[in-house]
């Protein structure tokens, strides 16, 4: 996964320089924002001379999924102290969230922070590389490098394909996201990109929640032992 992120960061560094940012500015952005999709949206809007407030709102809309991520992992990390939660939240990027979902019954904090820090270092270092040498690639689109981000997210989605209601979640997310994306063409001007990302994700989560079956109540060892006892032991009066 870390290896897959490196080309994205290199591409971001190259595109940031193409939009007029310095290598230092591109590196600082990756080190502080640390959100691939949002960074690509931001530099694209910068190239169109969009007001700063619009860029901030767009970045928040794209990153709204991280709010959903933090809500989803709350049952797993709620017992941890805040000095552990805060750095966990900073490192809660897509592969880190996928790691928690796959290991939520027995979360290894050392493995989580190892993954998160490695992804962070790779992302920042690859941004520096792209910012310094990205000009060697005159047209990233000619090499289909602009498809790296969609392919990356598709791989993440496919990794959850064995989960219950996966198909329903994907179809609902796609349908709502596509509808919101095309909303301006239908006259609904306050929707459109980048809100299709957040609203599509919320719709998929709601569909999965409505279709989910409640887990059967867990039976404790004490309850099992009590059920196995003879009635005479349970009621000494008999």
C-alpha atoms as a PDB file:
ATOM      1  CA  UNK A   1       0.000   0.000   0.000  1.00  0.00           C
ATOM      2  CA  UNK A   2       2.846   2.391   0.835  1.00  0.00           C
ATOM      3  CA  UNK A   3       4.400   1.631  -2.540  1.00  0.00           C
ATOM      4  CA  UNK A   4       1.102   2.398  -4.256  1.00  0.00           C
ATOM      5  CA  UNK A   5       0.947   5.804  -2.583  1.00  0.00           C
ATOM      6  CA  UNK A   6       4.397   6.909  -3.726  1.00  0.00           C
ATOM      7  CA  UNK A   7       3.419   7.520  -7.395  1.00  0.00           C
ATOM      8  CA  UNK A   8       0.418   9.553  -6.213  1.00  0.00           C
ATOM      9  CA  UNK A   9       2.635  11.747  -4.058  1.00  0.00           C
ATOM     10  CA  UNK A  10       5.152  12.151  -6.885  1.00  0.00           C
ATOM     11  CA  UNK A  11       2.313  13.163  -9.198  1.00  0.00           C
ATOM     12  CA  UNK A  12       1.026  15.646  -6.627  1.00  0.00           C
ATOM     13  CA  UNK A  13       4.479  17.220  -6.266  1.00  0.00           C
ATOM     14  CA  UNK A  14       4.800  17.558 -10.039  1.00  0.00           C
ATOM     15  CA  UNK A  15       1.310  19.047 -10.461  1.00  0.00           C
ATOM     16  CA  UNK A  16       1.824  21.446  -7.546  1.00  0.00           C
ATOM     17  CA  UNK A  17       4.939  22.835  -9.203  1.00  0.00           C
ATOM     18  CA  UNK A  18       3.012  23.131 -12.454  1.00  0.00           C
ATOM     19  CA  UNK A  19       0.407  25.245 -10.643  1.00  0.00           C
ATOM     20  CA  UNK A  20       3.051  27.695  -9.439  1.00  0.00           C
ATOM     21  CA  UNK A  21       3.882  26.324  -5.988  1.00  0.00           C
ATOM     22  CA  UNK A  22       7.472  26.078  -4.825  1.00  0.00           C
ATOM     23  CA  UNK A  23       8.941  22.710  -3.755  1.00  0.00           C
ATOM     24  CA  UNK A  24       8.884  23.932  -0.141  1.00  0.00           C
ATOM     25  CA  UNK A  25       5.207  24.918  -0.338  1.00  0.00           C
ATOM     26  CA  UNK A  26       4.256  21.569  -1.888  1.00  0.00           C
ATOM     27  CA  UNK A  27       6.199  19.705   0.816  1.00  0.00           C
ATOM     28  CA  UNK A  28       4.654  21.729   3.659  1.00  0.00           C
ATOM     29  CA  UNK A  29       1.196  21.090   2.234  1.00  0.00           C
ATOM     30  CA  UNK A  30       1.771  17.329   2.167  1.00  0.00           C
ATOM     31  CA  UNK A  31       3.254  17.384   5.674  1.00  0.00           C
ATOM     32  CA  UNK A  32       0.379  19.351   7.214  1.00  0.00           C
ATOM     33  CA  UNK A  33      -2.706  18.457   5.158  1.00  0.00           C
ATOM     34  CA  UNK A  34      -1.705  14.815   4.558  1.00  0.00           C
ATOM     35  CA  UNK A  35      -4.776  14.046   2.459  1.00  0.00           C
ATOM     36  CA  UNK A  36      -4.165  12.992  -1.116  1.00  0.00           C
ATOM     37  CA  UNK A  37      -7.541  13.587  -2.760  1.00  0.00           C
ATOM     38  CA  UNK A  38      -8.045  16.918  -0.983  1.00  0.00           C
ATOM     39  CA  UNK A  39      -4.586  18.121  -2.014  1.00  0.00           C
ATOM     40  CA  UNK A  40      -5.277  17.320  -5.672  1.00  0.00           C
ATOM     41  CA  UNK A  41      -8.587  19.191  -5.467  1.00  0.00           C
ATOM     42  CA  UNK A  42      -6.899  22.178  -3.814  1.00  0.00           C
ATOM     43  CA  UNK A  43      -4.140  22.612  -6.394  1.00  0.00           C
ATOM     44  CA  UNK A  44      -6.635  22.151  -9.225  1.00  0.00           C
ATOM     45  CA  UNK A  45      -8.800  24.951  -7.835  1.00  0.00           C
ATOM     46  CA  UNK A  46      -5.726  27.122  -7.279  1.00  0.00           C
ATOM     47  CA  UNK A  47      -4.996  26.850 -10.980  1.00  0.00           C
ATOM     48  CA  UNK A  48      -8.430  28.289 -11.770  1.00  0.00           C
ATOM     49  CA  UNK A  49      -8.016  31.340  -9.508  1.00  0.00           C
ATOM     50  CA  UNK A  50     -10.850  30.216  -7.228  1.00  0.00           C
ATOM     51  CA  UNK A  51     -11.393  32.253  -4.002  1.00  0.00           C
ATOM     52  CA  UNK A  52      -9.612  30.843  -0.960  1.00  0.00           C
ATOM     53  CA  UNK A  53     -12.869  30.234   0.919  1.00  0.00           C
ATOM     54  CA  UNK A  54     -14.090  28.036  -1.921  1.00  0.00           C
ATOM     55  CA  UNK A  55     -10.867  26.017  -1.795  1.00  0.00           C
ATOM     56  CA  UNK A  56     -11.216  25.543   1.981  1.00  0.00           C
ATOM     57  CA  UNK A  57     -14.850  24.427   1.667  1.00  0.00           C
ATOM     58  CA  UNK A  58     -13.965  22.019  -1.130  1.00  0.00           C
ATOM     59  CA  UNK A  59     -11.116  20.498   0.884  1.00  0.00           C
ATOM     60  CA  UNK A  60     -13.421  20.078   3.894  1.00  0.00           C
ATOM     61  CA  UNK A  61     -16.041  18.420   1.680  1.00  0.00           C
ATOM     62  CA  UNK A  62     -13.530  15.939   0.276  1.00  0.00           C
ATOM     63  CA  UNK A  63     -12.109  15.213   3.728  1.00  0.00           C
ATOM     64  CA  UNK A  64     -15.545  14.810   5.318  1.00  0.00           C
ATOM     65  CA  UNK A  65     -15.092  11.050   4.952  1.00  0.00           C
ATOM     66  CA  UNK A  66     -12.446  11.232   7.672  1.00  0.00           C
ATOM     67  CA  UNK A  67     -15.159  12.377  10.076  1.00  0.00           C
ATOM     68  CA  UNK A  68     -17.050   9.228   9.125  1.00  0.00           C
ATOM     69  CA  UNK A  69     -13.858   7.208   9.618  1.00  0.00           C
ATOM     70  CA  UNK A  70     -13.389   8.549  13.152  1.00  0.00           C
ATOM     71  CA  UNK A  71     -17.008   7.782  14.014  1.00  0.00           C
ATOM     72  CA  UNK A  72     -16.675   4.251  12.641  1.00  0.00           C
ATOM     73  CA  UNK A  73     -13.589   3.422  14.735  1.00  0.00           C
ATOM     74  CA  UNK A  74     -14.918   4.930  17.977  1.00  0.00           C
ATOM     75  CA  UNK A  75     -16.103   1.544  19.340  1.00  0.00           C
ATOM     76  CA  UNK A  76     -12.574   0.221  18.803  1.00  0.00           C
ATOM     77  CA  UNK A  77     -10.532   3.058  20.339  1.00  0.00           C
ATOM     78  CA  UNK A  78     -12.893   4.669  22.858  1.00  0.00           C
ATOM     79  CA  UNK A  79     -10.987   3.145  25.794  1.00  0.00           C
ATOM     80  CA  UNK A  80      -7.682   4.679  24.712  1.00  0.00           C
ATOM     81  CA  UNK A  81      -6.378   7.923  26.289  1.00  0.00           C
ATOM     82  CA  UNK A  82      -6.433  11.109  24.224  1.00  0.00           C
ATOM     83  CA  UNK A  83      -2.638  11.221  24.028  1.00  0.00           C
ATOM     84  CA  UNK A  84      -2.959   8.082  21.898  1.00  0.00           C
ATOM     85  CA  UNK A  85      -6.146   9.038  20.041  1.00  0.00           C
ATOM     86  CA  UNK A  86      -4.865  12.392  18.743  1.00  0.00           C
ATOM     87  CA  UNK A  87      -1.896  10.995  16.775  1.00  0.00           C
ATOM     88  CA  UNK A  88      -4.129   8.104  15.660  1.00  0.00           C
ATOM     89  CA  UNK A  89      -6.590  10.577  14.162  1.00  0.00           C
ATOM     90  CA  UNK A  90      -3.813  12.462  12.373  1.00  0.00           C
ATOM     91  CA  UNK A  91      -2.614   9.228  10.780  1.00  0.00           C
ATOM     92  CA  UNK A  92      -6.168   8.041   9.979  1.00  0.00           C
ATOM     93  CA  UNK A  93      -5.814   8.009   6.208  1.00  0.00           C
ATOM     94  CA  UNK A  94      -7.520   5.490   3.941  1.00  0.00           C
ATOM     95  CA  UNK A  95      -5.085   2.560   4.354  1.00  0.00           C
ATOM     96  CA  UNK A  96      -4.972   3.123   8.131  1.00  0.00           C
ATOM     97  CA  UNK A  97      -8.774   3.000   8.311  1.00  0.00           C
ATOM     98  CA  UNK A  98      -8.777  -0.184   6.237  1.00  0.00           C
ATOM     99  CA  UNK A  99      -6.215  -1.668   8.651  1.00  0.00           C
ATOM    100  CA  UNK A 100      -8.416  -0.920  11.679  1.00  0.00           C
ATOM    101  CA  UNK A 101     -11.466  -2.406   9.979  1.00  0.00           C
ATOM    102  CA  UNK A 102      -9.579  -5.612   9.232  1.00  0.00           C
ATOM    103  CA  UNK A 103      -8.158  -5.847  12.775  1.00  0.00           C
ATOM    104  CA  UNK A 104     -10.840  -4.195  14.911  1.00  0.00           C
ATOM    105  CA  UNK A 105     -11.327  -7.252  17.118  1.00  0.00           C
ATOM    106  CA  UNK A 106      -7.670  -7.202  18.105  1.00  0.00           C
ATOM    107  CA  UNK A 107      -6.061  -3.889  17.190  1.00  0.00           C
ATOM    108  CA  UNK A 108      -2.260  -3.790  17.413  1.00  0.00           C
ATOM    109  CA  UNK A 109      -1.297  -0.174  18.136  1.00  0.00           C
ATOM    110  CA  UNK A 110       2.365  -0.755  17.288  1.00  0.00           C
ATOM    111  CA  UNK A 111       1.370  -2.102  13.862  1.00  0.00           C
ATOM    112  CA  UNK A 112      -1.092   0.775  13.349  1.00  0.00           C
ATOM    113  CA  UNK A 113       1.443   3.497  14.150  1.00  0.00           C
ATOM    114  CA  UNK A 114       4.112   1.702  12.120  1.00  0.00           C
ATOM    115  CA  UNK A 115       1.780   1.709   9.135  1.00  0.00           C
ATOM    116  CA  UNK A 116       0.664   5.303   9.678  1.00  0.00           C
ATOM    117  CA  UNK A 117       4.150   6.753  10.132  1.00  0.00           C
ATOM    118  CA  UNK A 118       5.466   4.804   7.128  1.00  0.00           C
ATOM    119  CA  UNK A 119       2.648   6.107   4.924  1.00  0.00           C
ATOM    120  CA  UNK A 120       3.304   9.653   6.182  1.00  0.00           C
ATOM    121  CA  UNK A 121       7.048   9.507   5.508  1.00  0.00           C
ATOM    122  CA  UNK A 122       6.535   7.966   2.064  1.00  0.00           C
ATOM    123  CA  UNK A 123       3.911  10.585   1.170  1.00  0.00           C
ATOM    124  CA  UNK A 124       6.073  13.561   2.181  1.00  0.00           C
ATOM    125  CA  UNK A 125       9.305  12.157   0.723  1.00  0.00           C
ATOM    126  CA  UNK A 126       7.650  11.266  -2.583  1.00  0.00           C
ATOM    127  CA  UNK A 127       6.137  14.762  -2.746  1.00  0.00           C
ATOM    128  CA  UNK A 128       9.641  16.225  -2.452  1.00  0.00           C
ATOM    129  CA  UNK A 129      10.823  13.929  -5.242  1.00  0.00           C
ATOM    130  CA  UNK A 130       7.916  14.902  -7.488  1.00  0.00           C
ATOM    131  CA  UNK A 131       8.357  18.595  -6.781  1.00  0.00           C
ATOM    132  CA  UNK A 132      12.049  18.434  -7.644  1.00  0.00           C
ATOM    133  CA  UNK A 133      11.954  16.132 -10.663  1.00  0.00           C
ATOM    134  CA  UNK A 134       8.327  16.257 -11.809  1.00  0.00           C
ATOM    135  CA  UNK A 135       9.130  18.704 -14.584  1.00  0.00           C
ATOM    136  CA  UNK A 136      10.804  15.841 -16.432  1.00  0.00           C
ATOM    137  CA  UNK A 137       7.260  14.592 -17.202  1.00  0.00           C
ATOM    138  CA  UNK A 138       5.795  17.274 -19.428  1.00  0.00           C
ATOM    139  CA  UNK A 139       2.308  15.754 -19.670  1.00  0.00           C
ATOM    140  CA  UNK A 140       1.212  13.375 -16.864  1.00  0.00           C
ATOM    141  CA  UNK A 141      -2.109  12.774 -18.636  1.00  0.00           C
ATOM    142  CA  UNK A 142      -0.282  11.314 -21.635  1.00  0.00           C
ATOM    143  CA  UNK A 143       0.932   8.484 -19.394  1.00  0.00           C
ATOM    144  CA  UNK A 144      -2.482   8.094 -17.671  1.00  0.00           C
ATOM    145  CA  UNK A 145      -0.914   9.199 -14.372  1.00  0.00           C
ATOM    146  CA  UNK A 146      -4.105  11.101 -13.591  1.00  0.00           C
ATOM    147  CA  UNK A 147      -5.801   7.694 -13.246  1.00  0.00           C
ATOM    148  CA  UNK A 148      -3.643   6.669 -10.280  1.00  0.00           C
ATOM    149  CA  UNK A 149      -5.978   8.171  -7.668  1.00  0.00           C
ATOM    150  CA  UNK A 150      -9.178   6.478  -8.967  1.00  0.00           C
ATOM    151  CA  UNK A 151      -7.347   3.149  -9.287  1.00  0.00           C
ATOM    152  CA  UNK A 152      -6.025   3.483  -5.740  1.00  0.00           C
ATOM    153  CA  UNK A 153      -9.491   4.080  -4.282  1.00  0.00           C
ATOM    154  CA  UNK A 154     -10.964   1.282  -6.398  1.00  0.00           C
ATOM    155  CA  UNK A 155      -8.413  -1.114  -4.917  1.00  0.00           C
ATOM    156  CA  UNK A 156      -9.436  -0.042  -1.404  1.00  0.00           C
ATOM    157  CA  UNK A 157     -13.118  -0.578  -2.183  1.00  0.00           C
ATOM    158  CA  UNK A 158     -12.473  -4.025  -3.653  1.00  0.00           C
ATOM    159  CA  UNK A 159     -10.587  -5.078  -0.508  1.00  0.00           C
ATOM    160  CA  UNK A 160     -13.935  -4.964   1.371  1.00  0.00           C
ATOM    161  CA  UNK A 161     -15.849  -7.040  -1.217  1.00  0.00           C
ATOM    162  CA  UNK A 162     -16.422  -9.951   1.188  1.00  0.00           C
ATOM    163  CA  UNK A 163     -18.216  -7.762   3.717  1.00  0.00           C
ATOM    164  CA  UNK A 164     -21.993  -8.084   4.167  1.00  0.00           C
ATOM    165  CA  UNK A 165     -24.032  -5.688   1.998  1.00  0.00           C
ATOM    166  CA  UNK A 166     -20.913  -4.660   0.053  1.00  0.00           C
ATOM    167  CA  UNK A 167     -22.733  -4.658  -3.289  1.00  0.00           C
ATOM    168  CA  UNK A 168     -25.629  -2.588  -1.947  1.00  0.00           C
ATOM    169  CA  UNK A 169     -23.238  -0.076  -0.405  1.00  0.00           C
ATOM    170  CA  UNK A 170     -21.199   0.315  -3.594  1.00  0.00           C
ATOM    171  CA  UNK A 171     -24.208   0.655  -5.890  1.00  0.00           C
ATOM    172  CA  UNK A 172     -25.932   3.176  -3.600  1.00  0.00           C
ATOM    173  CA  UNK A 173     -22.753   5.210  -3.197  1.00  0.00           C
ATOM    174  CA  UNK A 174     -22.161   5.257  -6.960  1.00  0.00           C
ATOM    175  CA  UNK A 175     -25.752   6.207  -7.788  1.00  0.00           C
ATOM    176  CA  UNK A 176     -25.995   9.057  -5.275  1.00  0.00           C
ATOM    177  CA  UNK A 177     -22.488  10.306  -6.049  1.00  0.00           C
ATOM    178  CA  UNK A 178     -23.200  10.372  -9.788  1.00  0.00           C
ATOM    179  CA  UNK A 179     -26.520  12.137  -9.228  1.00  0.00           C
ATOM    180  CA  UNK A 180     -24.963  14.814  -7.004  1.00  0.00           C
ATOM    181  CA  UNK A 181     -22.067  15.266  -9.442  1.00  0.00           C
ATOM    182  CA  UNK A 182     -24.456  15.897 -12.337  1.00  0.00           C
ATOM    183  CA  UNK A 183     -26.857  17.994 -10.249  1.00  0.00           C
ATOM    184  CA  UNK A 184     -25.658  21.367 -11.647  1.00  0.00           C
ATOM    185  CA  UNK A 185     -26.575  20.169 -15.156  1.00  0.00           C
ATOM    186  CA  UNK A 186     -30.084  19.528 -13.810  1.00  0.00           C
ATOM    187  CA  UNK A 187     -30.387  23.017 -12.355  1.00  0.00           C
ATOM    188  CA  UNK A 188     -29.391  22.216  -8.768  1.00  0.00           C
ATOM    189  CA  UNK A 189     -26.429  24.578  -8.665  1.00  0.00           C
ATOM    190  CA  UNK A 190     -25.564  24.248  -4.951  1.00  0.00           C
ATOM    191  CA  UNK A 191     -24.557  20.606  -5.423  1.00  0.00           C
ATOM    192  CA  UNK A 192     -21.949  19.084  -7.710  1.00  0.00           C
ATOM    193  CA  UNK A 193     -18.227  18.496  -7.175  1.00  0.00           C
ATOM    194  CA  UNK A 194     -16.761  17.975  -4.587  1.00  0.00           C
ATOM    195  CA  UNK A 195     -19.935  17.273  -2.561  1.00  0.00           C
ATOM    196  CA  UNK A 196     -20.568  14.077  -4.522  1.00  0.00           C
ATOM    197  CA  UNK A 197     -17.787  12.392  -2.532  1.00  0.00           C
ATOM    198  CA  UNK A 198     -19.220  13.059   0.931  1.00  0.00           C
ATOM    199  CA  UNK A 199     -22.908  12.693   0.051  1.00  0.00           C
ATOM    200  CA  UNK A 200     -22.286   9.488  -1.864  1.00  0.00           C
ATOM    201  CA  UNK A 201     -20.374   8.056   1.083  1.00  0.00           C
ATOM    202  CA  UNK A 202     -23.106   9.005   3.552  1.00  0.00           C
ATOM    203  CA  UNK A 203     -25.767   7.435   1.315  1.00  0.00           C
ATOM    204  CA  UNK A 204     -23.768   4.209   1.107  1.00  0.00           C
ATOM    205  CA  UNK A 205     -23.357   4.072   4.879  1.00  0.00           C
ATOM    206  CA  UNK A 206     -27.072   4.658   5.445  1.00  0.00           C
ATOM    207  CA  UNK A 207     -27.942   1.895   2.974  1.00  0.00           C
ATOM    208  CA  UNK A 208     -25.587  -0.513   4.735  1.00  0.00           C
ATOM    209  CA  UNK A 209     -26.963   0.452   8.159  1.00  0.00           C
ATOM    210  CA  UNK A 210     -30.577  -0.073   7.070  1.00  0.00           C
ATOM    211  CA  UNK A 211     -29.798  -3.442   5.505  1.00  0.00           C
ATOM    212  CA  UNK A 212     -27.606  -4.697   8.355  1.00  0.00           C
ATOM    213  CA  UNK A 213     -28.848  -7.476  10.571  1.00  0.00           C
ATOM    214  CA  UNK A 214     -28.285  -7.034  14.301  1.00  0.00           C
ATOM    215  CA  UNK A 215     -25.632  -9.289  15.749  1.00  0.00           C
ATOM    216  CA  UNK A 216     -26.969 -12.018  18.057  1.00  0.00           C
ATOM    217  CA  UNK A 217     -26.444 -11.242  21.738  1.00  0.00           C
ATOM    218  CA  UNK A 218     -23.198 -12.612  23.030  1.00  0.00           C
ATOM    219  CA  UNK A 219     -23.439 -15.257  25.753  1.00  0.00           C
ATOM    220  CA  UNK A 220     -20.836 -14.912  28.468  1.00  0.00           C
ATOM    221  CA  UNK A 221     -19.004 -17.866  29.974  1.00  0.00           C
ATOM    222  CA  UNK A 222     -20.839 -17.239  33.240  1.00  0.00           C
ATOM    223  CA  UNK A 223     -24.203 -17.500  31.488  1.00  0.00           C
ATOM    224  CA  UNK A 224     -23.152 -20.709  29.753  1.00  0.00           C
ATOM    225  CA  UNK A 225     -22.019 -22.224  33.039  1.00  0.00           C
ATOM    226  CA  UNK A 226     -25.231 -21.175  34.741  1.00  0.00           C
ATOM    227  CA  UNK A 227     -27.343 -22.726  31.971  1.00  0.00           C
ATOM    228  CA  UNK A 228     -25.463 -26.020  32.303  1.00  0.00           C
ATOM    229  CA  UNK A 229     -26.046 -26.330  36.053  1.00  0.00           C
ATOM    230  CA  UNK A 230     -28.714 -28.768  37.328  1.00  0.00           C
ATOM    231  CA  UNK A 231     -31.893 -27.188  38.617  1.00  0.00           C
ATOM    232  CA  UNK A 232     -31.173 -28.478  42.132  1.00  0.00           C
ATOM    233  CA  UNK A 233     -27.966 -26.480  42.196  1.00  0.00           C
ATOM    234  CA  UNK A 234     -29.700 -23.353  40.887  1.00  0.00           C
ATOM    235  CA  UNK A 235     -32.450 -23.564  43.533  1.00  0.00           C
ATOM    236  CA  UNK A 236     -31.308 -25.057  46.851  1.00  0.00           C
ATOM    237  CA  UNK A 237     -34.904 -25.039  48.120  1.00  0.00           C
ATOM    238  CA  UNK A 238     -35.838 -27.885  45.775  1.00  0.00           C
END
